[in-house]
Protein backbone atom coordinates (compact mmCIF):
# COMPACT_ATOMS: atom_id res chain seq x y z
CA UNK A 1 -31.19 25.98 11.18
CA UNK A 2 -30.47 23.63 8.26
CA UNK A 3 -29.39 25.45 5.12
CA UNK A 4 -31.80 25.11 2.21
CA UNK A 5 -30.40 24.00 -1.09
CA UNK A 6 -31.44 27.24 -2.75
CA UNK A 7 -29.27 29.23 -0.33
CA UNK A 8 -26.06 27.78 -1.62
CA UNK A 9 -26.92 26.20 -4.98
CA UNK A 10 -26.77 29.58 -6.75
CA UNK A 11 -23.03 29.62 -6.14
CA UNK A 12 -22.52 25.98 -7.02
CA UNK A 13 -21.43 26.46 -10.67
CA UNK A 14 -18.84 29.06 -9.68
CA UNK A 15 -17.64 26.97 -6.73
CA UNK A 16 -17.50 23.86 -8.89
CA UNK A 17 -15.51 25.69 -11.57
CA UNK A 18 -13.10 26.96 -8.93
CA UNK A 19 -12.84 23.48 -7.40
CA UNK A 20 -12.12 21.79 -10.73
CA UNK A 21 -9.57 24.45 -11.61
CA UNK A 22 -7.78 24.05 -8.27
CA UNK A 23 -7.85 20.27 -8.51
CA UNK A 24 -6.53 20.45 -12.06
CA UNK A 25 -3.63 22.62 -10.95
CA UNK A 26 -2.93 20.25 -8.09
CA UNK A 27 -3.03 17.35 -10.52
CA UNK A 28 -0.53 19.03 -12.85
CA UNK A 29 1.82 19.66 -9.95
CA UNK A 30 1.50 16.01 -8.91
CA UNK A 31 2.43 14.81 -12.40
CA UNK A 32 5.83 16.39 -11.94
CA UNK A 33 6.46 14.55 -8.69
CA UNK A 34 6.67 10.93 -7.63
CA UNK A 35 3.31 11.15 -5.85
CA UNK A 36 0.12 10.09 -7.58
CA UNK A 37 -1.77 13.26 -8.63
CA UNK A 38 -4.96 14.09 -6.77
CA UNK A 39 -4.40 11.55 -3.98
CA UNK A 40 -2.36 13.64 -1.54
CA UNK A 41 -4.23 14.98 1.50
CA UNK A 42 -4.21 18.59 2.69
CA UNK A 43 -4.24 18.45 6.50
CA UNK A 44 -5.47 21.23 8.78
CA UNK A 45 -7.52 21.86 11.93
CA UNK A 46 -10.83 23.72 12.06
CA UNK A 47 -12.81 24.54 15.21
CA UNK A 48 -10.61 22.10 17.09
CA UNK A 49 -11.35 19.22 14.69
CA UNK A 50 -8.62 17.59 12.60
CA UNK A 51 -9.45 17.77 8.90
CA UNK A 52 -7.85 16.12 5.85
CA UNK A 53 -9.01 16.66 2.29
CA UNK A 54 -7.81 15.79 -1.18
CA UNK A 55 -8.88 17.91 -4.12
CA UNK A 56 -9.96 15.65 -6.96
CA UNK A 57 -11.51 17.25 -10.04
CA UNK A 58 -15.12 16.20 -10.54
CA UNK A 59 -18.74 17.13 -9.91
CA UNK A 60 -19.16 15.08 -6.72
CA UNK A 61 -17.58 15.06 -3.29
CA UNK A 62 -17.30 12.88 -0.19
CA UNK A 63 -17.06 13.85 3.46
CA UNK A 64 -16.69 11.35 6.27
CA UNK A 65 -16.50 11.52 10.03
CA UNK A 66 -14.09 8.94 11.48
CA UNK A 67 -14.50 8.28 15.21
CA UNK A 68 -12.12 6.27 17.36
CA UNK A 69 -14.96 4.17 18.76
CA UNK A 70 -14.77 0.68 17.26
CA UNK A 71 -15.15 -2.52 19.34
CA UNK A 72 -11.57 -2.10 20.59
CA UNK A 73 -12.68 0.91 22.65
CA UNK A 74 -16.29 0.09 23.54
CA UNK A 75 -17.07 -0.44 27.25
CA UNK A 76 -19.42 -3.39 26.64
CA UNK A 77 -20.30 -5.61 23.63
CA UNK A 78 -22.51 -4.11 20.94
CA UNK A 79 -21.95 -0.39 21.56
CA UNK A 80 -20.06 0.16 18.29
CA UNK A 81 -22.67 -1.74 16.29
CA UNK A 82 -25.43 0.29 17.93
CA UNK A 83 -23.76 3.66 17.28
CA UNK A 84 -23.29 2.66 13.65
CA UNK A 85 -26.96 1.69 13.32
CA UNK A 86 -28.18 4.86 15.08
CA UNK A 87 -26.35 7.07 12.56
CA UNK A 88 -28.80 9.15 10.48
CA UNK A 89 -31.74 8.16 12.67
CA UNK A 90 -33.76 10.84 14.52
CA UNK A 91 -31.90 13.86 15.89
CA UNK A 92 -33.03 16.72 18.11
CA UNK A 93 -33.81 18.74 14.96
CA UNK A 94 -35.38 16.28 12.56
CA UNK A 95 -36.75 12.77 12.20
CA UNK A 96 -35.06 9.91 10.39
CA UNK A 97 -37.70 10.21 7.66
CA UNK A 98 -36.92 13.89 7.14
CA UNK A 99 -33.17 13.20 6.93
CA UNK A 100 -33.78 10.47 4.34
CA UNK A 101 -36.00 12.69 2.22
CA UNK A 102 -33.63 15.65 2.33
CA UNK A 103 -30.68 13.48 1.34
CA UNK A 104 -32.67 11.97 -1.53
CA UNK A 105 -33.84 15.38 -2.75
CA UNK A 106 -30.22 16.48 -2.99
CA UNK A 107 -29.26 13.28 -4.81
CA UNK A 108 -26.80 12.30 -2.09
CA UNK A 109 -25.98 9.10 -0.21
CA UNK A 110 -25.21 8.53 3.46
CA UNK A 111 -23.85 5.40 5.11
CA UNK A 112 -22.25 4.17 8.31
CA UNK A 113 -19.76 1.37 8.95
CA UNK A 114 -17.42 0.27 11.69
CA UNK A 115 -14.14 -1.61 11.91
CA UNK A 116 -12.29 -2.94 14.95
CA UNK A 117 -11.02 0.55 15.76
CA UNK A 118 -13.32 3.10 14.14
CA UNK A 119 -16.85 4.12 13.29
CA UNK A 120 -17.16 5.87 9.93
CA UNK A 121 -20.12 8.10 8.99
CA UNK A 122 -19.91 8.93 5.30
CA UNK A 123 -21.77 11.24 2.92
CA UNK A 124 -21.46 11.41 -0.88
CA UNK A 125 -23.00 14.37 -2.68
CA UNK A 126 -22.98 16.84 -5.56
CA UNK A 127 -20.15 19.31 -4.97
CA UNK A 128 -22.41 22.30 -4.34
CA UNK A 129 -24.13 20.49 -1.47
CA UNK A 130 -21.06 20.30 0.79
CA UNK A 131 -22.54 22.73 3.40
CA UNK A 132 -25.66 20.63 3.91
CA UNK A 133 -23.77 17.40 4.49
CA UNK A 134 -21.15 19.01 6.73
CA UNK A 135 -23.98 20.27 8.93
CA UNK A 136 -25.75 16.90 8.81
CA UNK A 137 -22.64 15.03 10.00
CA UNK A 138 -22.19 17.50 12.86
CA UNK A 139 -25.84 17.08 13.83
CA UNK A 140 -25.69 13.28 13.74
CA UNK A 141 -22.52 13.30 15.85
CA UNK A 142 -23.78 15.65 18.55
CA UNK A 143 -27.61 15.59 18.50
CA UNK A 144 -28.77 12.04 17.76
CA UNK A 145 -31.80 11.26 19.97
CA UNK A 146 -31.11 7.60 20.78
CA UNK A 147 -34.82 6.99 21.11
CA UNK A 148 -35.78 3.85 23.00
CA UNK A 149 -38.30 2.78 20.34
CA UNK A 150 -35.68 3.04 17.57
CA UNK A 151 -33.32 0.93 19.67
CA UNK A 152 -35.84 -1.86 20.21
CA UNK A 153 -37.65 -1.76 16.86
CA UNK A 154 -34.76 -1.12 14.45
CA UNK A 155 -31.26 -1.11 15.90
CA UNK A 156 -31.36 -4.29 18.01
CA UNK A 157 -33.06 -6.26 15.25
CA UNK A 158 -30.46 -5.15 12.69
CA UNK A 159 -27.58 -6.12 14.99
CA UNK A 160 -29.14 -9.54 15.53
CA UNK A 161 -29.26 -10.07 11.77
CA UNK A 162 -25.56 -9.17 11.67
CA UNK A 163 -24.89 -11.70 14.44
CA UNK A 164 -26.63 -14.42 12.43
CA UNK A 165 -24.73 -13.48 9.26
CA UNK A 166 -21.43 -13.69 11.13
CA UNK A 167 -22.26 -17.09 12.60
CA UNK A 168 -23.10 -18.40 9.10
CA UNK A 169 -19.72 -17.29 7.69
CA UNK A 170 -16.93 -19.64 8.85
CA UNK A 171 -14.20 -17.41 7.36
CA UNK A 172 -15.42 -14.41 9.36
CA UNK A 173 -15.76 -16.47 12.55
CA UNK A 174 -12.19 -17.76 12.10
CA UNK A 175 -10.75 -14.28 11.50
CA UNK A 176 -12.57 -13.02 14.60
CA UNK A 177 -11.23 -15.94 16.63
CA UNK A 178 -7.70 -15.36 15.31
CA UNK A 179 -7.85 -11.77 16.58
CA UNK A 180 -9.04 -12.95 19.98
CA UNK A 181 -6.20 -15.48 20.24
CA UNK A 182 -3.63 -12.97 19.01
CA UNK A 183 -4.60 -9.92 21.08
CA UNK A 184 -7.10 -11.07 23.75
CA UNK A 185 -8.77 -7.76 24.74
CA UNK A 186 -8.79 -4.62 22.60
CA UNK A 187 -8.17 -5.69 19.00
CA UNK A 188 -9.29 -9.15 20.04
CA UNK A 189 -12.89 -8.03 20.58
CA UNK A 190 -15.34 -9.42 18.05
CA UNK A 191 -16.21 -7.10 15.16
CA UNK A 192 -19.88 -7.92 15.95
CA UNK A 193 -20.96 -9.71 19.15
CA UNK A 194 -21.52 -13.44 18.71
CA UNK A 195 -25.01 -14.92 18.92
CA UNK A 196 -24.22 -16.06 22.48
CA UNK A 197 -24.15 -12.43 23.67
CA UNK A 198 -27.42 -11.04 25.04
CA UNK A 199 -27.61 -7.53 23.55
CA UNK A 200 -30.51 -6.51 25.82
CA UNK A 201 -28.24 -7.10 28.82
CA UNK A 202 -25.78 -4.43 27.70
CA UNK A 203 -27.58 -1.94 25.45
CA UNK A 204 -29.88 0.83 26.62
CA UNK A 205 -30.75 4.16 25.05
CA UNK A 206 -29.39 6.07 28.05
CA UNK A 207 -26.04 4.24 28.08
CA UNK A 208 -25.61 4.71 24.32
CA UNK A 209 -26.33 8.44 24.55
CA UNK A 210 -23.70 8.80 27.26
CA UNK A 211 -21.14 6.80 25.27
CA UNK A 212 -21.84 8.81 22.10
CA UNK A 213 -20.82 12.03 23.88
CA UNK A 214 -17.38 10.50 24.34
CA UNK A 215 -17.18 8.72 21.00
CA UNK A 216 -18.01 11.81 18.92
CA UNK A 217 -16.12 14.41 20.97
CA UNK A 218 -13.67 16.60 19.01
CA UNK A 219 -10.62 14.87 20.46
CA UNK A 220 -11.96 11.53 19.24
CA UNK A 221 -12.91 12.35 15.63
CA UNK A 222 -11.46 13.51 12.33
CA UNK A 223 -13.18 14.73 9.16
CA UNK A 224 -11.85 13.41 5.86
CA UNK A 225 -12.99 14.70 2.50
CA UNK A 226 -12.40 14.02 -1.17
CA UNK A 227 -13.41 16.00 -4.24
CA UNK A 228 -14.19 19.35 -2.61
CA UNK A 229 -12.02 22.44 -2.26
CA UNK A 230 -9.91 22.14 0.90
CA UNK A 231 -10.61 25.70 2.01
CA UNK A 232 -14.36 25.10 1.67
CA UNK A 233 -14.19 21.88 3.68
CA UNK A 234 -12.28 23.65 6.48
CA UNK A 235 -14.77 26.54 6.47
CA UNK A 236 -17.92 24.43 6.75
CA UNK A 237 -16.42 22.05 9.32
CA UNK A 238 -15.42 25.12 11.35
CA UNK A 239 -18.93 26.56 11.12
CA UNK A 240 -20.88 23.44 12.03
CA UNK A 241 -18.58 21.56 14.43
CA UNK A 242 -17.74 24.45 16.74
CA UNK A 243 -20.49 23.42 19.20
CA UNK A 244 -19.34 19.79 19.38
CA UNK A 245 -17.77 19.19 22.84
CA UNK A 246 -14.00 18.78 23.05
CA UNK A 247 -14.03 15.74 25.36
CA UNK A 248 -11.17 13.29 25.67
CA UNK A 249 -10.02 10.36 23.56
CA UNK A 250 -11.32 6.90 24.34
CA UNK A 251 -8.40 4.89 25.66
CA UNK A 252 -7.34 1.27 25.46
CA UNK A 253 -4.19 -0.53 26.56
CA UNK A 254 -1.46 -0.85 23.93
CA UNK A 255 -1.88 -3.95 21.81
CA UNK A 256 0.14 -6.97 22.89
CA UNK A 257 0.53 -10.08 20.78
CA UNK A 258 -0.01 -13.41 22.56
CA UNK A 259 -0.61 -16.23 20.08
CA UNK A 260 -2.29 -19.55 20.73
CA UNK A 261 -5.10 -21.67 19.34
CA UNK A 262 -8.89 -21.75 19.33
CA UNK A 263 -11.18 -24.40 17.84
CA UNK A 264 -14.90 -23.77 17.20
CA UNK A 265 -17.31 -26.47 16.05
CA UNK A 266 -19.65 -25.31 13.28
CA UNK A 267 -21.96 -26.79 10.65
CA UNK A 268 -21.76 -23.65 8.49
CA UNK A 269 -18.51 -24.69 6.79
CA UNK A 270 -14.79 -25.12 7.39
CA UNK A 271 -12.11 -22.47 7.76
CA UNK A 272 -8.64 -22.23 9.27
CA UNK A 273 -6.79 -18.97 9.85
CA UNK A 274 -3.05 -19.00 10.55
CA UNK A 275 -1.93 -15.61 11.87
CA UNK A 276 1.25 -13.84 12.96
CA UNK A 277 2.07 -10.32 14.25
CA UNK A 278 2.01 -8.23 11.06
CA UNK A 279 2.44 -4.61 10.06
CA UNK A 280 0.64 -1.71 11.71
CA UNK A 281 -0.74 1.28 9.82
CA UNK A 282 1.48 3.52 7.72
CA UNK A 283 3.16 6.26 9.75
CA UNK A 284 3.17 4.29 13.01
CA UNK A 285 6.15 2.58 14.72
CA UNK A 286 4.47 -0.77 13.96
CA UNK A 287 4.55 -0.18 10.18
CA UNK A 288 6.50 -2.91 8.34
CA UNK A 289 6.00 -2.77 4.56
CA UNK A 290 7.86 -6.07 4.18
CA UNK A 291 4.82 -7.81 5.70
CA UNK A 292 2.68 -6.56 2.80
CA UNK A 293 5.29 -7.80 0.34
CA UNK A 294 5.32 -11.24 2.01
CA UNK A 295 1.52 -11.34 1.82
CA UNK A 296 1.72 -10.61 -1.91
CA UNK A 297 4.48 -13.20 -2.34
CA UNK A 298 2.43 -15.97 -0.73
CA UNK A 299 -0.81 -14.76 -2.31
CA UNK A 300 -3.40 -17.48 -2.81
CA UNK A 301 -6.21 -15.82 -4.73
CA UNK A 302 -5.65 -15.25 -8.43
CA UNK A 303 -5.30 -11.75 -9.84
CA UNK A 304 -6.01 -13.09 -13.34
CA UNK A 305 -9.47 -14.32 -14.29
CA UNK A 306 -9.93 -17.98 -15.27
CA UNK A 307 -6.50 -19.01 -13.94
CA UNK A 308 -5.46 -20.27 -10.49
CA UNK A 309 -2.80 -17.55 -10.37
CA UNK A 310 0.97 -17.68 -10.13
CA UNK A 311 1.60 -16.77 -6.50
CA UNK A 312 3.50 -19.28 -4.37
CA UNK A 313 0.43 -20.37 -2.44
CA UNK A 314 -1.71 -20.61 -5.58
CA UNK A 315 0.83 -22.98 -7.12
CA UNK A 316 1.17 -24.99 -3.90
CA UNK A 317 -2.59 -25.56 -3.63
CA UNK A 318 -3.38 -26.38 -7.27
CA UNK A 319 -3.99 -29.99 -6.32
CA UNK A 320 -6.72 -29.02 -3.85
CA UNK A 321 -9.65 -27.93 -5.99
CA UNK A 322 -12.04 -27.60 -3.05
CA UNK A 323 -9.90 -25.23 -0.97
CA UNK A 324 -9.67 -21.45 -1.23
CA UNK A 325 -6.59 -19.74 0.15
CA UNK A 326 -5.79 -16.07 0.70
CA UNK A 327 -3.14 -14.04 2.49
CA UNK A 328 -3.38 -10.48 3.79
CA UNK A 329 -1.97 -8.07 6.34
CA UNK A 330 -4.58 -6.36 8.52
CA UNK A 331 -3.21 -3.03 9.79
CA UNK A 332 -4.23 -1.19 12.96
CA UNK A 333 -3.05 1.92 14.81
CA UNK A 334 -0.42 0.13 16.91
CA UNK A 335 -0.27 -3.44 15.57
CA UNK A 336 -1.04 -5.68 12.63
CA UNK A 337 -2.19 -9.23 11.98
CA UNK A 338 -0.78 -11.22 9.07
CA UNK A 339 -3.34 -13.89 8.12
CA UNK A 340 -3.40 -16.93 5.85
CA UNK A 341 -6.98 -18.15 5.47
CA UNK A 342 -8.08 -21.55 4.14
CA UNK A 343 -11.71 -22.53 3.58
CA UNK A 344 -13.41 -25.46 1.90
CA UNK A 345 -13.26 -29.21 2.28
CA UNK A 346 -11.91 -30.21 5.69
CA UNK A 347 -9.52 -32.99 4.66
CA UNK A 348 -7.90 -30.81 1.95
CA UNK A 349 -7.37 -27.87 4.30
CA UNK A 350 -4.82 -29.88 6.31
CA UNK A 351 -2.62 -30.56 3.28
CA UNK A 352 -2.96 -26.98 2.02
CA UNK A 353 -2.02 -25.62 5.45
CA UNK A 354 1.10 -27.76 5.60
CA UNK A 355 2.11 -26.47 2.17
CA UNK A 356 1.71 -22.89 3.35
CA UNK A 357 3.99 -23.47 6.34
CA UNK A 358 6.51 -25.16 4.04
CA UNK A 359 6.46 -22.08 1.82
CA UNK A 360 7.15 -19.82 4.81
CA UNK A 361 10.14 -22.00 5.66
CA UNK A 362 11.42 -21.69 2.09
CA UNK A 363 11.10 -17.90 2.19
CA UNK A 364 12.90 -17.79 5.55
CA UNK A 365 15.70 -19.96 4.15
CA UNK A 366 16.13 -17.71 1.12
CA UNK A 367 15.01 -20.42 -1.31
CA UNK A 368 12.66 -18.15 -3.26
CA UNK A 369 13.88 -16.62 -6.54
CA UNK A 370 14.65 -12.91 -6.60
CA UNK A 371 12.24 -12.50 -9.51
CA UNK A 372 9.37 -13.79 -7.35
CA UNK A 373 10.10 -11.18 -4.68
CA UNK A 374 10.29 -8.42 -7.29
CA UNK A 375 6.86 -9.44 -8.57
CA UNK A 376 5.56 -9.45 -4.99
CA UNK A 377 6.85 -5.89 -4.46
CA UNK A 378 4.97 -4.79 -7.58
CA UNK A 379 1.75 -6.52 -6.43
CA UNK A 380 2.01 -5.05 -2.92
CA UNK A 381 2.58 -1.59 -4.39
CA UNK A 382 -0.41 -1.97 -6.70
CA UNK A 383 -2.63 -3.02 -3.79
CA UNK A 384 -1.51 -0.05 -1.71
CA UNK A 385 -2.13 2.39 -4.56
CA UNK A 386 -5.48 0.83 -5.36
CA UNK A 387 -6.62 0.93 -1.73
CA UNK A 388 -5.67 4.61 -1.53
CA UNK A 389 -8.03 5.29 -4.42
CA UNK A 390 -10.81 3.43 -2.61
CA UNK A 391 -12.73 6.02 -0.61
CA UNK A 392 -13.58 3.58 2.17
CA UNK A 393 -9.99 2.41 2.75
CA UNK A 394 -8.27 5.75 2.28
CA UNK A 395 -10.76 7.71 4.36
CA UNK A 396 -10.65 5.45 7.41
CA UNK A 397 -6.85 5.06 7.31
CA UNK A 398 -6.37 8.83 7.07
CA UNK A 399 -8.94 9.66 9.75
CA UNK A 400 -7.49 7.09 12.14
CA UNK A 401 -3.98 8.46 11.60
CA UNK A 402 -5.10 12.01 12.41
CA UNK A 403 -6.90 10.94 15.57
CA UNK A 404 -3.94 8.91 16.80
CA UNK A 405 -1.34 11.56 15.99
CA UNK A 406 0.44 9.72 13.18
CA UNK A 407 0.93 10.56 9.51
CA UNK A 408 -2.03 10.53 7.09
CA UNK A 409 -2.10 7.92 4.37
CA UNK A 410 0.00 9.84 1.80
CA UNK A 411 0.14 7.54 -1.19
CA UNK A 412 3.48 8.71 -2.54
CA UNK A 413 5.29 7.85 0.69
CA UNK A 414 3.54 4.49 1.00
CA UNK A 415 4.62 3.50 -2.52
CA UNK A 416 8.21 4.56 -1.82
CA UNK A 417 8.34 2.50 1.38
CA UNK A 418 7.21 -0.63 -0.47
CA UNK A 419 9.68 -0.02 -3.31
CA UNK A 420 12.48 0.08 -0.71
CA UNK A 421 11.72 -3.40 0.69
CA UNK A 422 14.66 -5.80 0.21
CA UNK A 423 14.86 -9.57 -0.15
CA UNK A 424 16.61 -9.73 3.23
CA UNK A 425 13.69 -7.94 4.93
CA UNK A 426 11.16 -10.37 3.44
CA UNK A 427 13.32 -13.30 4.54
CA UNK A 428 13.66 -11.88 8.06
CA UNK A 429 9.94 -11.29 8.57
CA UNK A 430 9.23 -14.92 7.57
CA UNK A 431 11.88 -16.08 10.04
CA UNK A 432 10.29 -13.97 12.77
CA UNK A 433 6.89 -15.53 12.13
CA UNK A 434 8.20 -19.08 12.35
CA UNK A 435 10.37 -18.51 15.42
CA UNK A 436 7.48 -17.08 17.46
CA UNK A 437 4.00 -18.24 18.43
CA UNK A 438 1.38 -18.44 15.73
CA UNK A 439 -2.33 -17.71 16.26
CA UNK A 440 -4.46 -20.50 14.81
CA UNK A 441 -8.26 -20.36 14.62
CA UNK A 442 -10.17 -23.40 13.37
CA UNK A 443 -13.89 -23.43 12.56
CA UNK A 444 -15.99 -26.34 11.26
CA UNK A 445 -15.57 -30.12 11.41
CA UNK A 446 -13.04 -30.32 14.21
CA UNK A 447 -12.61 -34.09 13.82
CA UNK A 448 -10.96 -33.60 10.41
CA UNK A 449 -9.49 -30.10 10.71
CA UNK A 450 -5.85 -29.87 11.87
CA UNK A 451 -4.27 -28.49 15.03
CA UNK A 452 -1.59 -25.86 14.61
CA UNK A 453 1.12 -28.29 15.73
CA UNK A 454 0.10 -30.71 12.97
CA UNK A 455 0.78 -27.96 10.43
CA UNK A 456 4.29 -27.45 11.78
CA UNK A 457 3.55 -24.33 13.82
CA UNK A 458 4.42 -23.30 17.36
CA UNK A 459 1.28 -22.27 19.21
């Protein structure tokens, strides 16, 4: 039976005082070390579920369930989107309306998202309400109804809106296409099915219910918290998740990089993505911090308001006022994708793309000043530290690491690994990119937009 707020709210002030005191002590210990205080995770296992929590002083907490069930692992298109949309709908115990009203009465928030590899169910709440939301996450994971009327009236319609939004965003279409060219199956699956996919052909309430039993099995999930006492998180997860079936992990073949080119005609706008095999997640064999430093070195988007920025790519594209450029490394459990994205006016994208390839050649030849690389190390370190403080980024990265048997996203170690990157490593990763096959995805006016070969790339 769901705990009432009155049952546990009487102890909330004492628990909150204890939590703040413990977090404060942890913070003081962290100040004496190289690690950032309050951002290190305590890792344990409770009722067969992997749990990570960081004690951060404050009156609110977060608890998230990370499931290894993103599009990479789904059996047919749309399953990950549907599981995300079914989160916090009707369960065997209560209706969607009741869940919404209970969450609102407690002043909390619940949400669901998915990436290429994971589904994340997240709850934010006042610290004393941890037991309620731990039970709610367990109930959503193991007792969602998957009612046929909710599928047809709510879930399918929402996914179709997402399909339309994706089709109207040339940058997103190009990034999706770059993944498909780079990895084919697995990580190459679209983050949301394209509008050409008939969802009714693949999705049924019965099939989703069967898939959910695998997706939310103990072996396939991790619980990640922030703000609460670690012992309390382990206790409530142990109490409420003990009935969740153990199951087995969803499997997918190891990622293999292919490279190549895809061109998609679109009236929504113009975008070109140039991609290379980048760095995997921290703690995995595919982790290469030098890729993050190279991404910061090339840059593109300004970090200073009202200026074009001082990164290499920002300087190289100053003459193209109608082109936006950005560089990033997208990390996954066993691979990464280093992307340079251009969007804007078609005829200017060609020139900007050639400049980007020229910059890569200069980095590979060692023609970039040492000071520029030092600045890039600082920017990459800042981005890593900032992302660790972001609940969404840190929670998914940590949960994914626990599920896949690698190290959680411990911020102190990540910062140290970036600090240790040398000029030679940055030079070598640029050389590796240029000597292999690129993945080029082009969306928009194909008559004007360039082919990869025209940019100086091997595809």
